[in-house]
Protein backbone atom coordinates (compact mmCIF):
# COMPACT_ATOMS: atom_id res chain seq x y z
CA MET A 1 -14.86 19.01 -1.35
CA ARG A 2 -16.81 19.53 -4.53
CA GLU A 3 -16.87 23.26 -3.88
CA ASP A 4 -13.11 23.42 -3.31
CA PRO A 5 -11.08 21.84 -6.14
CA ASP A 6 -7.83 22.45 -4.23
CA ALA A 7 -9.09 20.36 -1.30
CA LEU A 8 -10.04 17.58 -3.70
CA LEU A 9 -6.60 17.70 -5.32
CA ALA A 10 -4.90 17.60 -1.90
CA ALA A 11 -7.00 14.62 -0.80
CA CYS A 12 -6.16 12.75 -4.00
CA GLU A 13 -2.45 13.51 -3.62
CA ASP A 14 -2.49 12.32 0.01
CA THR A 15 -3.87 8.93 -0.99
CA MET A 16 -2.21 8.37 -4.37
CA ILE A 17 1.34 9.73 -4.08
CA PRO A 18 3.59 7.40 -2.10
CA SER A 19 5.60 8.76 0.79
CA ALA A 20 8.61 7.40 2.69
CA GLU A 21 6.31 6.25 5.50
CA ASP A 22 4.58 3.90 3.07
CA PHE A 23 7.80 1.90 2.74
CA LEU A 24 9.35 2.09 6.21
CA TYR A 25 7.16 -0.29 8.18
CA THR A 26 6.96 -3.68 6.56
CA GLN A 27 6.33 -7.13 7.92
CA SER A 28 8.42 -10.02 6.72
CA ILE A 29 6.56 -12.78 4.93
CA ASP A 30 6.09 -16.09 6.69
CA LEU A 31 6.65 -18.36 3.68
CA GLN A 32 5.51 -21.50 5.49
CA ASN A 33 2.20 -19.88 6.38
CA GLU A 34 1.80 -18.39 2.89
CA ARG A 35 2.38 -21.80 1.33
CA GLU A 36 -0.31 -23.39 3.46
CA VAL A 37 -3.03 -20.75 3.81
CA GLY A 38 -1.89 -17.71 1.84
CA SER A 39 -3.59 -16.29 -1.17
CA GLY A 40 -1.96 -14.85 -4.21
CA LEU A 41 1.21 -15.48 -6.12
CA THR A 42 4.62 -15.96 -4.53
CA VAL A 43 7.71 -15.15 -6.58
CA VAL A 44 11.15 -16.25 -5.44
CA THR A 45 14.21 -14.93 -7.22
């Protein structure tokens, strides 16, 4: 990839630019489980 800057650019774009597929398949959050064993911050609005 170092020899081909276009290949490097394409690889970066593939991993950094979001696509529709990144947002289509989501799992719902199990709040009970997150409360008991989850990590991180939960925000409820």
